[in-house]
């Protein structure tokens, strides 16, 4: 039996981003747990009081100000290695994403703007307009663009989990 996929999700909450990123990432984390992964959700910003019915009991949840100092989010990975790290934040800079990508087997960005360089292994944009956007990423990056990659999928299981797991399991080329 192989070891479970180790997933870390970095996101934020607060006045600007609201709760949308947080809820989407919580759904991703819970879907990963249901598929047998070990998942941690690291949240920057004004973390909401834990509601009684949100299901986080099965998902490791940690406040982490990775946006205040970009090295904190990467350093948080020292507490538990990750096979896949998913970032869902407009505030994640290209430099942070590049640093993250050098540290983990598979770095994933959930994005809908294409307003910065995306030096990650996988970019996911489930928006209708996504295929028309010009992403500036790694030459061997995977781009999951368009409504068929909207999160979560109609089946209730986010497609990104399957794509990320398969990429993380494949050998990487390069340093």
N, C-alpha and C. Protein backbone atom coordinates (compact mmCIF):
# COMPACT_ATOMS: atom_id res chain seq x y z
N UNK A 1 0.84 -1.18 0.00
CA UNK A 1 0.00 0.00 0.00
C UNK A 1 0.89 1.24 0.00
N UNK A 2 0.60 2.18 -0.86
CA UNK A 2 1.41 3.39 -0.95
C UNK A 2 0.99 4.40 0.11
N UNK A 3 1.92 5.29 0.42
CA UNK A 3 1.65 6.33 1.41
C UNK A 3 0.60 7.30 0.86
N UNK A 4 -0.22 7.88 1.73
CA UNK A 4 -1.23 8.82 1.26
C UNK A 4 -0.58 10.10 0.72
N UNK A 5 -1.24 10.71 -0.23
CA UNK A 5 -0.82 12.00 -0.77
C UNK A 5 -0.82 13.02 0.36
N UNK A 6 0.25 13.81 0.45
CA UNK A 6 0.35 14.86 1.46
C UNK A 6 0.08 16.19 0.78
N UNK A 7 -1.03 16.82 1.13
CA UNK A 7 -1.48 18.05 0.50
C UNK A 7 -1.45 19.20 1.50
N UNK A 8 -0.94 20.34 1.05
CA UNK A 8 -1.02 21.58 1.82
C UNK A 8 -1.71 22.60 0.94
N UNK A 9 -2.67 23.32 1.52
CA UNK A 9 -3.40 24.35 0.79
C UNK A 9 -3.14 25.69 1.49
N UNK A 10 -2.65 26.67 0.74
CA UNK A 10 -2.41 28.01 1.26
C UNK A 10 -3.47 28.94 0.72
N UNK A 11 -4.14 29.67 1.61
CA UNK A 11 -5.15 30.62 1.18
C UNK A 11 -5.22 31.78 2.16
N UNK A 12 -6.20 32.64 1.96
CA UNK A 12 -6.36 33.81 2.82
C UNK A 12 -7.83 34.13 2.99
N UNK A 13 -8.12 34.87 4.06
CA UNK A 13 -9.46 35.41 4.32
C UNK A 13 -9.31 36.85 4.76
N UNK A 14 -10.37 37.61 4.65
CA UNK A 14 -10.32 38.99 5.12
C UNK A 14 -11.20 39.91 4.30
N UNK A 15 -11.01 41.21 4.49
CA UNK A 15 -11.84 42.19 3.80
C UNK A 15 -11.74 42.11 2.29
N UNK A 16 -10.58 42.00 1.75
CA UNK A 16 -10.43 41.93 0.30
C UNK A 16 -10.92 40.62 -0.28
N UNK A 17 -10.30 39.51 0.13
CA UNK A 17 -10.68 38.23 -0.46
C UNK A 17 -11.98 37.64 0.09
N UNK A 18 -12.45 38.12 1.20
CA UNK A 18 -13.68 37.57 1.78
C UNK A 18 -13.48 36.14 2.23
N UNK A 19 -14.53 35.34 2.13
CA UNK A 19 -14.48 33.94 2.55
C UNK A 19 -14.46 32.96 1.37
N UNK A 20 -14.55 33.47 0.14
CA UNK A 20 -14.62 32.59 -1.02
C UNK A 20 -13.43 31.67 -1.18
N UNK A 21 -12.22 32.23 -1.08
CA UNK A 21 -11.02 31.40 -1.19
C UNK A 21 -10.99 30.34 -0.09
N UNK A 22 -11.30 30.78 1.12
CA UNK A 22 -11.29 29.88 2.27
C UNK A 22 -12.26 28.72 2.07
N UNK A 23 -13.48 29.02 1.67
CA UNK A 23 -14.48 27.96 1.48
C UNK A 23 -14.07 27.00 0.36
N UNK A 24 -13.57 27.54 -0.73
CA UNK A 24 -13.14 26.69 -1.83
C UNK A 24 -12.00 25.78 -1.38
N UNK A 25 -11.05 26.34 -0.65
CA UNK A 25 -9.91 25.54 -0.21
C UNK A 25 -10.31 24.51 0.84
N UNK A 26 -11.25 24.87 1.68
CA UNK A 26 -11.74 23.90 2.65
C UNK A 26 -12.40 22.73 1.92
N UNK A 27 -13.18 23.03 0.88
CA UNK A 27 -13.82 21.96 0.08
C UNK A 27 -12.76 21.09 -0.59
N UNK A 28 -11.71 21.70 -1.11
CA UNK A 28 -10.62 20.92 -1.73
C UNK A 28 -9.95 20.02 -0.69
N UNK A 29 -9.67 20.59 0.47
CA UNK A 29 -9.02 19.81 1.52
C UNK A 29 -9.87 18.64 1.97
N UNK A 30 -11.14 18.89 2.17
CA UNK A 30 -12.04 17.80 2.60
C UNK A 30 -12.18 16.74 1.52
N UNK A 31 -12.23 17.16 0.25
CA UNK A 31 -12.28 16.18 -0.85
C UNK A 31 -11.02 15.33 -0.86
N UNK A 32 -9.88 15.96 -0.61
CA UNK A 32 -8.62 15.22 -0.58
C UNK A 32 -8.63 14.18 0.54
N UNK A 33 -9.12 14.58 1.71
CA UNK A 33 -9.21 13.66 2.85
C UNK A 33 -10.12 12.49 2.49
N UNK A 34 -11.25 12.77 1.85
CA UNK A 34 -12.18 11.71 1.45
C UNK A 34 -11.54 10.74 0.47
N UNK A 35 -10.59 11.24 -0.33
CA UNK A 35 -9.89 10.38 -1.28
C UNK A 35 -8.67 9.69 -0.66
N UNK A 36 -8.45 9.90 0.65
CA UNK A 36 -7.37 9.21 1.35
C UNK A 36 -6.12 10.03 1.57
N UNK A 37 -6.12 11.29 1.22
CA UNK A 37 -4.94 12.14 1.40
C UNK A 37 -4.85 12.66 2.83
N UNK A 38 -3.68 13.09 3.18
CA UNK A 38 -3.46 13.83 4.43
C UNK A 38 -3.40 15.30 4.02
N UNK A 39 -4.32 16.13 4.52
CA UNK A 39 -4.41 17.52 4.04
C UNK A 39 -4.30 18.51 5.20
N UNK A 40 -3.59 19.61 4.93
CA UNK A 40 -3.47 20.72 5.87
C UNK A 40 -3.88 21.99 5.15
N UNK A 41 -4.65 22.83 5.82
CA UNK A 41 -5.10 24.10 5.28
C UNK A 41 -4.43 25.21 6.10
N UNK A 42 -3.55 26.00 5.46
CA UNK A 42 -2.86 27.11 6.11
C UNK A 42 -3.50 28.40 5.65
N UNK A 43 -4.04 29.17 6.59
CA UNK A 43 -4.87 30.33 6.25
C UNK A 43 -4.27 31.61 6.83
N UNK A 44 -4.08 32.60 5.96
CA UNK A 44 -3.61 33.93 6.38
C UNK A 44 -4.81 34.85 6.51
N UNK A 45 -4.68 35.85 7.36
CA UNK A 45 -5.72 36.86 7.48
C UNK A 45 -6.59 36.67 8.70
N UNK A 46 -7.78 37.24 8.63
CA UNK A 46 -8.74 37.20 9.73
C UNK A 46 -9.50 35.89 9.69
N UNK A 47 -8.93 34.87 10.30
CA UNK A 47 -9.50 33.54 10.26
C UNK A 47 -10.82 33.53 11.02
N UNK A 48 -11.90 33.04 10.40
CA UNK A 48 -13.20 33.05 11.06
C UNK A 48 -13.24 32.07 12.24
N UNK A 49 -14.13 32.38 13.18
CA UNK A 49 -14.36 31.45 14.28
C UNK A 49 -14.89 30.16 13.68
N UNK A 50 -14.42 29.05 14.17
CA UNK A 50 -14.80 27.76 13.57
C UNK A 50 -16.28 27.47 13.76
N UNK A 51 -17.03 27.40 12.64
CA UNK A 51 -18.44 27.03 12.74
C UNK A 51 -18.57 25.56 13.16
N UNK A 52 -19.68 25.21 13.76
CA UNK A 52 -19.84 23.85 14.26
C UNK A 52 -20.11 22.83 13.16
N UNK A 53 -20.58 23.27 11.98
CA UNK A 53 -20.99 22.31 10.95
C UNK A 53 -20.10 22.33 9.71
N UNK A 54 -18.87 22.83 9.79
CA UNK A 54 -18.10 22.98 8.57
C UNK A 54 -17.23 21.78 8.23
N UNK A 55 -17.15 20.78 9.08
CA UNK A 55 -16.43 19.57 8.73
C UNK A 55 -14.93 19.64 8.88
N UNK A 56 -14.38 20.69 9.45
CA UNK A 56 -12.92 20.81 9.55
C UNK A 56 -12.30 19.81 10.50
N UNK A 57 -13.07 19.06 11.20
CA UNK A 57 -12.49 18.12 12.15
C UNK A 57 -11.58 17.12 11.46
N UNK A 58 -11.84 16.81 10.20
CA UNK A 58 -11.02 15.85 9.46
C UNK A 58 -9.88 16.51 8.70
N UNK A 59 -9.81 17.81 8.76
CA UNK A 59 -8.83 18.57 8.00
C UNK A 59 -7.98 19.38 8.95
N UNK A 60 -6.66 19.21 8.88
CA UNK A 60 -5.79 20.03 9.73
C UNK A 60 -5.89 21.47 9.26
N UNK A 61 -6.16 22.37 10.18
CA UNK A 61 -6.42 23.76 9.89
C UNK A 61 -5.50 24.61 10.75
N UNK A 62 -4.68 25.47 10.13
CA UNK A 62 -3.73 26.26 10.88
C UNK A 62 -3.74 27.71 10.41
N UNK A 63 -3.94 28.67 11.33
CA UNK A 63 -3.69 30.06 10.96
C UNK A 63 -2.20 30.22 10.66
N UNK A 64 -1.87 30.91 9.61
CA UNK A 64 -0.47 31.06 9.20
C UNK A 64 -0.35 32.33 8.36
N UNK A 65 0.36 33.31 8.83
CA UNK A 65 0.48 34.57 8.10
C UNK A 65 1.54 34.48 7.00
N UNK A 66 1.33 33.58 6.08
CA UNK A 66 2.30 33.41 5.00
C UNK A 66 2.31 34.60 4.05
N UNK A 67 1.31 35.45 4.08
CA UNK A 67 1.29 36.66 3.24
C UNK A 67 2.09 37.80 3.85
N UNK A 68 2.16 37.84 5.19
CA UNK A 68 2.91 38.91 5.85
C UNK A 68 4.40 38.79 5.56
N UNK A 69 4.89 37.59 5.61
CA UNK A 69 6.29 37.31 5.28
C UNK A 69 6.29 36.07 4.41
N UNK A 70 6.64 36.22 3.17
CA UNK A 70 6.47 35.12 2.22
C UNK A 70 7.22 33.86 2.63
N UNK A 71 8.26 33.98 3.47
CA UNK A 71 8.98 32.79 3.88
C UNK A 71 8.22 31.97 4.92
N UNK A 72 7.22 32.56 5.57
CA UNK A 72 6.48 31.83 6.60
C UNK A 72 5.70 30.68 5.98
N UNK A 73 5.04 30.93 4.86
CA UNK A 73 4.28 29.87 4.21
C UNK A 73 5.16 28.72 3.78
N UNK A 74 6.33 29.04 3.26
CA UNK A 74 7.25 27.99 2.86
C UNK A 74 7.82 27.30 4.09
N UNK A 75 8.15 28.07 5.13
CA UNK A 75 8.69 27.49 6.35
C UNK A 75 7.66 26.57 7.02
N UNK A 76 6.37 26.89 6.88
CA UNK A 76 5.33 26.06 7.47
C UNK A 76 5.37 24.64 6.91
N UNK A 77 5.95 24.47 5.76
CA UNK A 77 6.06 23.13 5.18
C UNK A 77 7.07 22.28 5.95
N UNK A 78 7.93 22.90 6.75
CA UNK A 78 8.87 22.14 7.56
C UNK A 78 8.16 21.32 8.62
N UNK A 79 6.95 21.73 9.02
CA UNK A 79 6.19 21.01 10.03
C UNK A 79 5.59 19.73 9.47
N UNK A 80 5.58 19.58 8.19
CA UNK A 80 5.07 18.38 7.54
C UNK A 80 5.30 18.52 6.05
N UNK A 81 6.09 17.63 5.45
CA UNK A 81 6.36 17.75 4.02
C UNK A 81 5.09 17.58 3.20
N UNK A 82 5.14 18.09 1.98
CA UNK A 82 3.98 18.04 1.10
C UNK A 82 4.37 17.49 -0.26
N UNK A 83 3.47 16.71 -0.85
CA UNK A 83 3.62 16.26 -2.23
C UNK A 83 3.05 17.31 -3.18
N UNK A 84 1.94 17.92 -2.76
CA UNK A 84 1.25 18.92 -3.56
C UNK A 84 0.93 20.11 -2.65
N UNK A 85 1.22 21.32 -3.15
CA UNK A 85 0.79 22.53 -2.45
C UNK A 85 -0.08 23.32 -3.41
N UNK A 86 -1.29 23.65 -2.96
CA UNK A 86 -2.22 24.45 -3.75
C UNK A 86 -2.27 25.84 -3.14
N UNK A 87 -2.12 26.87 -3.97
CA UNK A 87 -2.18 28.26 -3.52
C UNK A 87 -3.42 28.90 -4.14
N UNK A 88 -4.24 29.51 -3.29
CA UNK A 88 -5.43 30.22 -3.75
C UNK A 88 -5.41 31.60 -3.13
N UNK A 89 -4.72 32.53 -3.79
CA UNK A 89 -4.59 33.89 -3.27
C UNK A 89 -4.12 34.81 -4.38
N UNK A 90 -4.78 35.96 -4.50
CA UNK A 90 -4.32 36.97 -5.45
C UNK A 90 -3.02 37.61 -4.98
N UNK A 91 -2.73 37.51 -3.70
CA UNK A 91 -1.56 38.17 -3.13
C UNK A 91 -0.27 37.35 -3.26
N UNK A 92 -0.36 36.11 -3.69
CA UNK A 92 0.85 35.30 -3.85
C UNK A 92 1.64 35.83 -5.04
N UNK A 93 2.86 36.27 -4.79
CA UNK A 93 3.69 36.85 -5.84
C UNK A 93 4.36 35.77 -6.68
N UNK A 94 4.84 36.16 -7.84
CA UNK A 94 5.57 35.23 -8.70
C UNK A 94 6.81 34.71 -7.98
N UNK A 95 7.49 35.58 -7.22
CA UNK A 95 8.69 35.16 -6.49
C UNK A 95 8.34 34.10 -5.44
N UNK A 96 7.23 34.29 -4.74
CA UNK A 96 6.81 33.31 -3.76
C UNK A 96 6.47 31.98 -4.45
N UNK A 97 5.74 32.05 -5.55
CA UNK A 97 5.35 30.83 -6.27
C UNK A 97 6.57 30.10 -6.80
N UNK A 98 7.56 30.84 -7.28
CA UNK A 98 8.79 30.21 -7.78
C UNK A 98 9.54 29.52 -6.65
N UNK A 99 9.63 30.18 -5.50
CA UNK A 99 10.29 29.60 -4.34
C UNK A 99 9.56 28.34 -3.89
N UNK A 100 8.26 28.40 -3.87
CA UNK A 100 7.46 27.25 -3.48
C UNK A 100 7.67 26.09 -4.45
N UNK A 101 7.64 26.40 -5.74
CA UNK A 101 7.81 25.37 -6.76
C UNK A 101 9.15 24.66 -6.69
N UNK A 102 10.17 25.36 -6.21
CA UNK A 102 11.48 24.75 -6.06
C UNK A 102 11.55 23.83 -4.84
N UNK A 103 10.56 23.95 -3.97
CA UNK A 103 10.59 23.23 -2.71
C UNK A 103 9.69 22.00 -2.66
N UNK A 104 8.67 21.95 -3.50
CA UNK A 104 7.71 20.84 -3.42
C UNK A 104 7.61 20.14 -4.78
N UNK A 105 7.21 18.86 -4.77
CA UNK A 105 7.10 18.13 -6.04
C UNK A 105 6.07 18.71 -7.00
N UNK A 106 4.98 19.27 -6.48
CA UNK A 106 3.93 19.80 -7.35
C UNK A 106 3.31 21.04 -6.73
N UNK A 107 3.51 22.20 -7.37
CA UNK A 107 2.90 23.46 -6.91
C UNK A 107 1.76 23.80 -7.86
N UNK A 108 0.60 24.12 -7.28
CA UNK A 108 -0.62 24.39 -8.04
C UNK A 108 -1.12 25.79 -7.68
N UNK A 109 -1.53 26.56 -8.67
CA UNK A 109 -2.12 27.88 -8.44
C UNK A 109 -3.54 27.89 -8.94
N UNK A 110 -4.48 28.28 -8.07
CA UNK A 110 -5.85 28.52 -8.48
C UNK A 110 -5.91 30.01 -8.83
N UNK A 111 -6.26 30.33 -10.06
CA UNK A 111 -6.16 31.71 -10.53
C UNK A 111 -7.29 32.01 -11.49
N UNK A 112 -7.68 33.28 -11.55
CA UNK A 112 -8.65 33.66 -12.57
C UNK A 112 -8.31 34.99 -13.23
N UNK A 113 -7.09 35.47 -13.01
CA UNK A 113 -6.72 36.77 -13.56
C UNK A 113 -5.62 36.75 -14.62
N UNK A 114 -4.68 35.82 -14.52
CA UNK A 114 -3.51 35.79 -15.41
C UNK A 114 -2.78 37.13 -15.39
N UNK A 115 -2.67 37.72 -14.20
CA UNK A 115 -2.08 39.04 -14.07
C UNK A 115 -0.65 39.04 -13.55
N UNK A 116 -0.03 37.87 -13.47
CA UNK A 116 1.34 37.74 -12.96
C UNK A 116 1.95 36.50 -13.56
N UNK A 117 3.25 36.39 -13.45
CA UNK A 117 3.93 35.17 -13.87
C UNK A 117 3.46 34.03 -12.98
N UNK A 118 3.35 32.85 -13.55
CA UNK A 118 2.84 31.69 -12.81
C UNK A 118 3.85 30.53 -12.90
N UNK A 119 4.98 30.65 -12.19
CA UNK A 119 6.01 29.61 -12.24
C UNK A 119 5.67 28.41 -11.36
N UNK A 120 4.58 27.74 -11.70
CA UNK A 120 4.11 26.57 -10.95
C UNK A 120 3.92 25.40 -11.92
N UNK A 121 3.67 24.23 -11.37
CA UNK A 121 3.48 23.04 -12.19
C UNK A 121 2.10 22.99 -12.84
N UNK A 122 1.08 23.47 -12.10
CA UNK A 122 -0.29 23.42 -12.58
C UNK A 122 -0.99 24.75 -12.28
N UNK A 123 -1.68 25.30 -13.27
CA UNK A 123 -2.54 26.46 -13.07
C UNK A 123 -3.96 26.01 -13.38
N UNK A 124 -4.89 26.34 -12.46
CA UNK A 124 -6.29 25.98 -12.65
C UNK A 124 -7.11 27.26 -12.68
N UNK A 125 -7.89 27.42 -13.75
CA UNK A 125 -8.82 28.53 -13.87
C UNK A 125 -10.09 27.98 -14.47
N UNK A 126 -11.13 27.87 -13.67
CA UNK A 126 -12.39 27.30 -14.12
C UNK A 126 -13.33 28.30 -14.76
N UNK A 127 -12.86 29.52 -15.01
CA UNK A 127 -13.72 30.54 -15.59
C UNK A 127 -14.00 30.29 -17.07
N UNK A 128 -15.14 30.77 -17.50
CA UNK A 128 -15.54 30.63 -18.90
C UNK A 128 -14.52 31.27 -19.84
N UNK A 129 -13.93 32.38 -19.43
CA UNK A 129 -12.98 33.14 -20.24
C UNK A 129 -11.55 32.61 -20.17
N UNK A 130 -11.29 31.65 -19.31
CA UNK A 130 -9.92 31.19 -19.03
C UNK A 130 -9.11 30.79 -20.26
N UNK A 131 -9.66 30.06 -21.22
CA UNK A 131 -8.83 29.67 -22.37
C UNK A 131 -8.31 30.85 -23.20
N UNK A 132 -8.94 32.01 -23.08
CA UNK A 132 -8.47 33.18 -23.85
C UNK A 132 -7.38 33.97 -23.12
N UNK A 133 -7.14 33.67 -21.86
CA UNK A 133 -6.13 34.42 -21.10
C UNK A 133 -4.73 33.97 -21.48
N UNK A 134 -3.78 34.87 -21.34
CA UNK A 134 -2.36 34.59 -21.64
C UNK A 134 -1.60 34.39 -20.34
N UNK A 135 -1.37 33.16 -19.99
CA UNK A 135 -0.58 32.84 -18.79
C UNK A 135 0.89 32.85 -19.12
N UNK A 136 1.69 33.35 -18.20
CA UNK A 136 3.14 33.38 -18.34
C UNK A 136 3.74 32.43 -17.31
N UNK A 137 3.89 31.18 -17.70
CA UNK A 137 4.33 30.18 -16.75
C UNK A 137 5.49 29.35 -17.26
N UNK A 138 5.71 28.25 -16.59
CA UNK A 138 6.77 27.33 -16.96
C UNK A 138 6.44 26.68 -18.30
N UNK A 139 7.45 26.44 -19.13
CA UNK A 139 7.19 25.82 -20.44
C UNK A 139 6.54 24.44 -20.32
N UNK A 140 6.84 23.73 -19.24
CA UNK A 140 6.25 22.40 -19.06
C UNK A 140 5.06 22.42 -18.09
N UNK A 141 4.54 23.62 -17.81
CA UNK A 141 3.40 23.74 -16.91
C UNK A 141 2.13 23.16 -17.52
N UNK A 142 1.24 22.72 -16.66
CA UNK A 142 -0.06 22.19 -17.07
C UNK A 142 -1.10 23.25 -16.78
N UNK A 143 -1.95 23.54 -17.77
CA UNK A 143 -2.98 24.57 -17.63
C UNK A 143 -4.35 23.93 -17.77
N UNK A 144 -5.09 23.92 -16.67
CA UNK A 144 -6.44 23.38 -16.65
C UNK A 144 -7.37 24.58 -16.70
N UNK A 145 -7.81 24.92 -17.91
CA UNK A 145 -8.54 26.16 -18.14
C UNK A 145 -9.93 25.91 -18.69
N UNK A 146 -10.90 26.64 -18.16
CA UNK A 146 -12.26 26.57 -18.65
C UNK A 146 -13.21 25.95 -17.65
N UNK A 147 -14.50 26.06 -17.94
CA UNK A 147 -15.54 25.61 -17.01
C UNK A 147 -15.45 24.14 -16.60
N UNK A 148 -14.87 23.31 -17.44
CA UNK A 148 -14.78 21.90 -17.04
C UNK A 148 -13.87 21.69 -15.84
N UNK A 149 -13.07 22.72 -15.50
CA UNK A 149 -12.19 22.65 -14.34
C UNK A 149 -12.67 23.53 -13.19
N UNK A 150 -13.92 23.96 -13.25
CA UNK A 150 -14.48 24.75 -12.15
C UNK A 150 -14.44 23.93 -10.88
N UNK A 151 -14.20 24.58 -9.77
CA UNK A 151 -14.09 23.89 -8.50
C UNK A 151 -15.27 24.23 -7.61
N UNK A 152 -15.87 23.31 -6.91
CA UNK A 152 -15.73 21.88 -7.17
C UNK A 152 -16.52 21.46 -8.39
N UNK A 153 -16.20 20.29 -8.90
CA UNK A 153 -16.89 19.79 -10.08
C UNK A 153 -18.29 19.31 -9.71
N UNK A 154 -19.11 19.05 -10.72
CA UNK A 154 -20.48 18.58 -10.46
C UNK A 154 -20.50 17.26 -9.71
N UNK A 155 -19.46 16.46 -9.88
CA UNK A 155 -19.42 15.18 -9.17
C UNK A 155 -19.15 15.36 -7.69
N UNK A 156 -18.79 16.60 -7.30
CA UNK A 156 -18.48 16.86 -5.90
C UNK A 156 -17.02 16.64 -5.57
N UNK A 157 -16.27 16.05 -6.49
CA UNK A 157 -14.84 15.81 -6.26
C UNK A 157 -14.05 16.71 -7.19
N UNK A 158 -13.35 17.66 -6.64
CA UNK A 158 -12.60 18.58 -7.49
C UNK A 158 -11.61 17.86 -8.40
N UNK A 159 -11.67 18.16 -9.69
CA UNK A 159 -10.78 17.52 -10.66
C UNK A 159 -9.32 17.82 -10.39
N UNK A 160 -9.03 18.95 -9.77
CA UNK A 160 -7.64 19.31 -9.50
C UNK A 160 -6.96 18.27 -8.63
N UNK A 161 -7.70 17.61 -7.74
CA UNK A 161 -7.09 16.60 -6.89
C UNK A 161 -6.53 15.46 -7.73
N UNK A 162 -7.28 15.03 -8.71
CA UNK A 162 -6.83 13.93 -9.55
C UNK A 162 -5.63 14.36 -10.38
N UNK A 163 -5.70 15.56 -10.98
CA UNK A 163 -4.59 16.06 -11.80
C UNK A 163 -3.35 16.28 -10.96
N UNK A 164 -3.48 16.87 -9.79
CA UNK A 164 -2.33 17.14 -8.92
C UNK A 164 -1.70 15.85 -8.43
N UNK A 165 -2.53 14.89 -8.06
CA UNK A 165 -2.00 13.63 -7.56
C UNK A 165 -1.21 12.90 -8.65
N UNK A 166 -1.70 12.94 -9.87
CA UNK A 166 -1.00 12.23 -10.94
C UNK A 166 0.31 12.93 -11.29
N UNK A 167 0.32 14.25 -11.24
CA UNK A 167 1.55 14.99 -11.52
C UNK A 167 2.56 14.77 -10.41
N UNK A 168 2.09 14.80 -9.15
CA UNK A 168 3.00 14.61 -8.02
C UNK A 168 3.61 13.22 -8.03
N UNK A 169 2.89 12.24 -8.55
CA UNK A 169 3.39 10.87 -8.57
C UNK A 169 4.38 10.62 -9.69
N UNK A 170 4.39 11.50 -10.70
CA UNK A 170 5.31 11.28 -11.81
C UNK A 170 6.66 11.90 -11.52
N UNK A 171 7.75 11.30 -12.03
CA UNK A 171 9.07 11.86 -11.76
C UNK A 171 9.23 13.23 -12.41
N UNK A 172 9.91 14.12 -11.70
CA UNK A 172 10.16 15.46 -12.21
C UNK A 172 11.49 15.49 -12.95
N UNK A 173 11.53 16.30 -13.97
CA UNK A 173 12.80 16.50 -14.66
C UNK A 173 13.41 17.78 -14.09
N UNK A 174 14.68 17.93 -14.29
CA UNK A 174 15.35 19.14 -13.83
C UNK A 174 15.87 18.99 -12.42
N UNK A 175 16.37 20.10 -11.84
CA UNK A 175 17.02 20.04 -10.52
C UNK A 175 16.07 19.70 -9.41
